[in-house]
C-alpha atoms as a PDB file:
ATOM      1  CA  MET A   1     183.972  82.543 117.351  1.00  0.00           C
ATOM      2  CA  ASN A   2     185.091  84.528 120.197  1.00  0.00           C
ATOM      3  CA  GLN A   3     186.106  83.693 123.449  1.00  0.00           C
ATOM      4  CA  ASN A   4     182.340  84.781 124.570  1.00  0.00           C
ATOM      5  CA  GLU A   5     181.108  82.741 122.147  1.00  0.00           C
ATOM      6  CA  VAL A   6     183.094  79.588 122.548  1.00  0.00           C
ATOM      7  CA  GLU A   7     182.137  79.359 125.987  1.00  0.00           C
ATOM      8  CA  LYS A   8     178.515  79.800 125.528  1.00  0.00           C
ATOM      9  CA  ASP A   9     178.751  76.959 123.600  1.00  0.00           C
ATOM     10  CA  MET A  10     180.122  75.147 125.822  1.00  0.00           C
ATOM     11  CA  ARG A  11     178.254  75.632 128.398  1.00  0.00           C
ATOM     12  CA  GLU A  12     174.685  74.607 126.176  1.00  0.00           C
ATOM     13  CA  ASN A  13     176.370  71.615 125.061  1.00  0.00           C
ATOM     14  CA  ASP A  14     175.793  68.529 127.487  1.00  0.00           C
ATOM     15  CA  ASN A  15     178.912  68.047 129.130  1.00  0.00           C
ATOM     16  CA  SER A  16     177.743  66.127 132.147  1.00  0.00           C
ATOM     17  CA  ASP A  17     180.189  63.047 130.532  1.00  0.00           C
ATOM     18  CA  LEU A  18     183.048  65.284 131.182  1.00  0.00           C
ATOM     19  CA  CYS A  19     184.991  64.458 134.875  1.00  0.00           C
ATOM     20  CA  PHE A  20     187.383  67.499 136.479  1.00  0.00           C
ATOM     21  CA  VAL A  21     190.186  65.525 138.704  1.00  0.00           C
ATOM     22  CA  THR A  22     192.976  67.595 140.694  1.00  0.00           C
ATOM     23  CA  CYS A  23     195.524  67.086 143.121  1.00  0.00           C
ATOM     24  CA  PRO A  24     194.678  66.640 146.176  1.00  0.00           C
ATOM     25  CA  GLY A  25     197.646  68.538 147.527  1.00  0.00           C
ATOM     26  CA  GLY A  26     197.762  71.476 150.225  1.00  0.00           C
ATOM     27  CA  SER A  27     199.491  74.076 148.118  1.00  0.00           C
ATOM     28  CA  ASN A  28     198.700  77.276 146.727  1.00  0.00           C
ATOM     29  CA  VAL A  29     199.067  75.891 143.364  1.00  0.00           C
ATOM     30  CA  SER A  30     196.780  72.516 144.455  1.00  0.00           C
ATOM     31  CA  LEU A  31     194.529  75.218 145.762  1.00  0.00           C
ATOM     32  CA  LEU A  32     193.597  76.926 142.758  1.00  0.00           C
ATOM     33  CA  ALA A  33     193.813  73.837 140.801  1.00  0.00           C
ATOM     34  CA  TYR A  34     190.884  72.955 142.909  1.00  0.00           C
ATOM     35  CA  LYS A  35     189.289  76.369 142.922  1.00  0.00           C
ATOM     36  CA  ALA A  36     189.411  76.705 138.827  1.00  0.00           C
ATOM     37  CA  ALA A  37     187.546  72.753 138.084  1.00  0.00           C
ATOM     38  CA  SER A  38     185.312  74.005 141.249  1.00  0.00           C
ATOM     39  CA  LYS A  39     184.599  76.883 139.155  1.00  0.00           C
ATOM     40  CA  LEU A  40     184.206  74.844 135.886  1.00  0.00           C
ATOM     41  CA  GLU A  41     181.726  72.860 137.467  1.00  0.00           C
ATOM     42  CA  LYS A  42     179.648  75.451 139.062  1.00  0.00           C
ATOM     43  CA  ASP A  43     179.539  77.136 135.018  1.00  0.00           C
ATOM     44  CA  ASN A  44     178.360  73.465 133.384  1.00  0.00           C
ATOM     45  CA  TYR A  45     181.683  72.492 131.414  1.00  0.00           C
ATOM     46  CA  GLY A  46     181.629  68.886 133.469  1.00  0.00           C
ATOM     47  CA  LYS A  47     181.517  67.061 136.562  1.00  0.00           C
ATOM     48  CA  PHE A  48     184.325  67.480 139.345  1.00  0.00           C
ATOM     49  CA  VAL A  49     185.384  64.720 141.347  1.00  0.00           C
ATOM     50  CA  ARG A  50     186.940  65.806 144.647  1.00  0.00           C
ATOM     51  CA  LEU A  51     189.796  63.583 145.622  1.00  0.00           C
ATOM     52  CA  ALA A  52     191.252  63.319 149.201  1.00  0.00           C
ATOM     53  CA  GLY A  53     194.729  61.741 148.607  1.00  0.00           C
ATOM     54  CA  GLU A  54     197.149  59.910 151.422  1.00  0.00           C
ATOM     55  CA  HIS A  55     194.371  60.370 153.877  1.00  0.00           C
ATOM     56  CA  ALA A  56     191.227  58.427 151.993  1.00  0.00           C
ATOM     57  CA  LYS A  57     192.562  56.356 149.283  1.00  0.00           C
ATOM     58  CA  GLU A  58     189.601  54.302 149.935  1.00  0.00           C
ATOM     59  CA  LYS A  59     187.214  56.997 150.051  1.00  0.00           C
ATOM     60  CA  ASP A  60     188.989  58.250 146.373  1.00  0.00           C
ATOM     61  CA  GLN A  61     188.516  55.179 144.572  1.00  0.00           C
ATOM     62  CA  MET A  62     184.710  54.848 145.529  1.00  0.00           C
ATOM     63  CA  ARG A  63     183.955  58.322 144.372  1.00  0.00           C
ATOM     64  CA  LEU A  64     186.107  57.005 141.375  1.00  0.00           C
ATOM     65  CA  ALA A  65     184.132  53.797 140.471  1.00  0.00           C
ATOM     66  CA  ASP A  66     181.184  55.594 140.378  1.00  0.00           C
ATOM     67  CA  ALA A  67     182.375  58.688 138.232  1.00  0.00           C
ATOM     68  CA  VAL A  68     183.526  55.812 135.607  1.00  0.00           C
ATOM     69  CA  LYS A  69     179.669  55.014 135.295  1.00  0.00           C
ATOM     70  CA  TYR A  70     179.184  58.533 133.168  1.00  0.00           C
ATOM     71  CA  ALA A  71     182.186  59.732 132.399  1.00  0.00           C
ATOM     72  CA  LYS A  72     183.546  59.693 128.861  1.00  0.00           C
ATOM     73  CA  GLN A  73     186.284  62.007 129.431  1.00  0.00           C
ATOM     74  CA  TRP A  74     188.717  62.664 131.664  1.00  0.00           C
ATOM     75  CA  VAL A  75     190.000  66.114 132.569  1.00  0.00           C
ATOM     76  CA  LEU A  76     193.414  66.126 135.431  1.00  0.00           C
ATOM     77  CA  ILE A  77     194.346  69.623 136.579  1.00  0.00           C
ATOM     78  CA  GLU A  78     197.128  69.648 138.541  1.00  0.00           C
ATOM     79  CA  GLY A  79     199.486  71.870 140.295  1.00  0.00           C
ATOM     80  CA  CYS A  80     202.670  70.738 139.797  1.00  0.00           C
ATOM     81  CA  SER A  81     204.712  67.835 138.781  1.00  0.00           C
ATOM     82  CA  LYS A  82     204.933  65.987 141.490  1.00  0.00           C
ATOM     83  CA  GLY A  83     202.049  63.808 139.696  1.00  0.00           C
ATOM     84  CA  CYS A  84     199.792  63.428 142.850  1.00  0.00           C
ATOM     85  CA  GLY A  85     196.218  63.151 141.219  1.00  0.00           C
ATOM     86  CA  LYS A  86     198.033  61.253 138.045  1.00  0.00           C
ATOM     87  CA  LYS A  87     199.060  58.864 140.390  1.00  0.00           C
ATOM     88  CA  ILE A  88     195.329  58.280 142.173  1.00  0.00           C
ATOM     89  CA  LEU A  89     194.188  58.187 138.569  1.00  0.00           C
ATOM     90  CA  ASP A  90     196.475  55.382 138.283  1.00  0.00           C
ATOM     91  CA  CYS A  91     195.658  53.252 140.824  1.00  0.00           C
ATOM     92  CA  ALA A  92     191.813  53.582 139.553  1.00  0.00           C
ATOM     93  CA  GLY A  93     193.505  52.472 135.971  1.00  0.00           C
ATOM     94  CA  ILE A  94     191.804  55.644 134.964  1.00  0.00           C
ATOM     95  CA  GLU A  95     193.931  58.144 131.835  1.00  0.00           C
ATOM     96  CA  ALA A  96     193.530  61.306 132.032  1.00  0.00           C
ATOM     97  CA  ASP A  97     192.534  62.580 128.131  1.00  0.00           C
ATOM     98  CA  LYS A  98     193.858  65.765 129.319  1.00  0.00           C
ATOM     99  CA  HIS A  99     196.196  66.814 131.663  1.00  0.00           C
ATOM    100  CA  PHE A 100     196.977  70.542 132.903  1.00  0.00           C
ATOM    101  CA  LEU A 101     199.913  71.587 134.728  1.00  0.00           C
ATOM    102  CA  VAL A 102     199.692  75.127 137.005  1.00  0.00           C
ATOM    103  CA  THR A 103     202.630  75.375 137.430  1.00  0.00           C
ATOM    104  CA  SER A 104     203.436  75.656 132.958  1.00  0.00           C
ATOM    105  CA  LEU A 105     201.956  79.050 133.625  1.00  0.00           C
ATOM    106  CA  GLY A 106     205.252  80.569 135.529  1.00  0.00           C
ATOM    107  CA  ILE A 107     203.069  80.136 138.869  1.00  0.00           C
ATOM    108  CA  GLU A 108     205.812  78.867 141.161  1.00  0.00           C
ATOM    109  CA  ARG A 109     204.500  75.830 143.740  1.00  0.00           C
ATOM    110  CA  GLU A 110     204.933  76.990 147.789  1.00  0.00           C
ATOM    111  CA  ASN A 111     204.128  75.603 150.584  1.00  0.00           C
ATOM    112  CA  LYS A 112     200.754  77.387 151.514  1.00  0.00           C
ATOM    113  CA  ILE A 113     197.680  78.463 150.177  1.00  0.00           C
ATOM    114  CA  ASP A 114     197.429  82.620 149.471  1.00  0.00           C
ATOM    115  CA  HIS A 115     197.079  82.785 145.863  1.00  0.00           C
ATOM    116  CA  THR A 116     195.203  86.264 143.729  1.00  0.00           C
ATOM    117  CA  GLN A 117     192.247  85.651 141.567  1.00  0.00           C
ATOM    118  CA  GLU A 118     194.476  87.319 139.174  1.00  0.00           C
ATOM    119  CA  GLU A 119     196.078  83.597 138.884  1.00  0.00           C
ATOM    120  CA  LEU A 120     192.518  81.440 138.951  1.00  0.00           C
ATOM    121  CA  GLU A 121     191.816  83.495 136.112  1.00  0.00           C
ATOM    122  CA  GLN A 122     195.122  82.565 133.827  1.00  0.00           C
ATOM    123  CA  VAL A 123     194.310  78.877 135.517  1.00  0.00           C
ATOM    124  CA  LEU A 124     190.525  78.658 134.294  1.00  0.00           C
ATOM    125  CA  THR A 125     191.252  80.667 131.223  1.00  0.00           C
ATOM    126  CA  ALA A 126     194.404  78.076 130.505  1.00  0.00           C
ATOM    127  CA  VAL A 127     192.371  74.939 131.163  1.00  0.00           C
ATOM    128  CA  LYS A 128     189.126  76.543 128.979  1.00  0.00           C
ATOM    129  CA  GLY A 129     191.964  76.741 126.283  1.00  0.00           C
ATOM    130  CA  MET A 130     192.600  72.990 126.088  1.00  0.00           C
ATOM    131  CA  LEU A 131     189.057  71.883 126.158  1.00  0.00           C
ATOM    132  CA  LYS A 132     188.560  73.999 122.911  1.00  0.00           C
END
């Protein structure tokens, strides 16, 4: 089965029980994680639970509590090794089934929001590969 057939098969299956969560940071790699999860949700790979982080802990806990009702598998996409997304999941008593670090692709964490389309495609390809 080639990559296009695998992606088509995944989209045709009901992935509503798959939840993507990303770190809530403000760096280039956290934005890449966020954009990848948004795109994966749009392409019907699963649902994306958006986290706000330190400034909205209660809101994050409410969103995660709602998602727990349907989520059977959690995928955490983090920008870097700081573990901000993992800390939020830990507080909610949720363990990620799959965990991906954007920096593992050699993309350096920078305090900026710029990234390239090529970098986003790298992240998407890697996460899709992890989901197989």
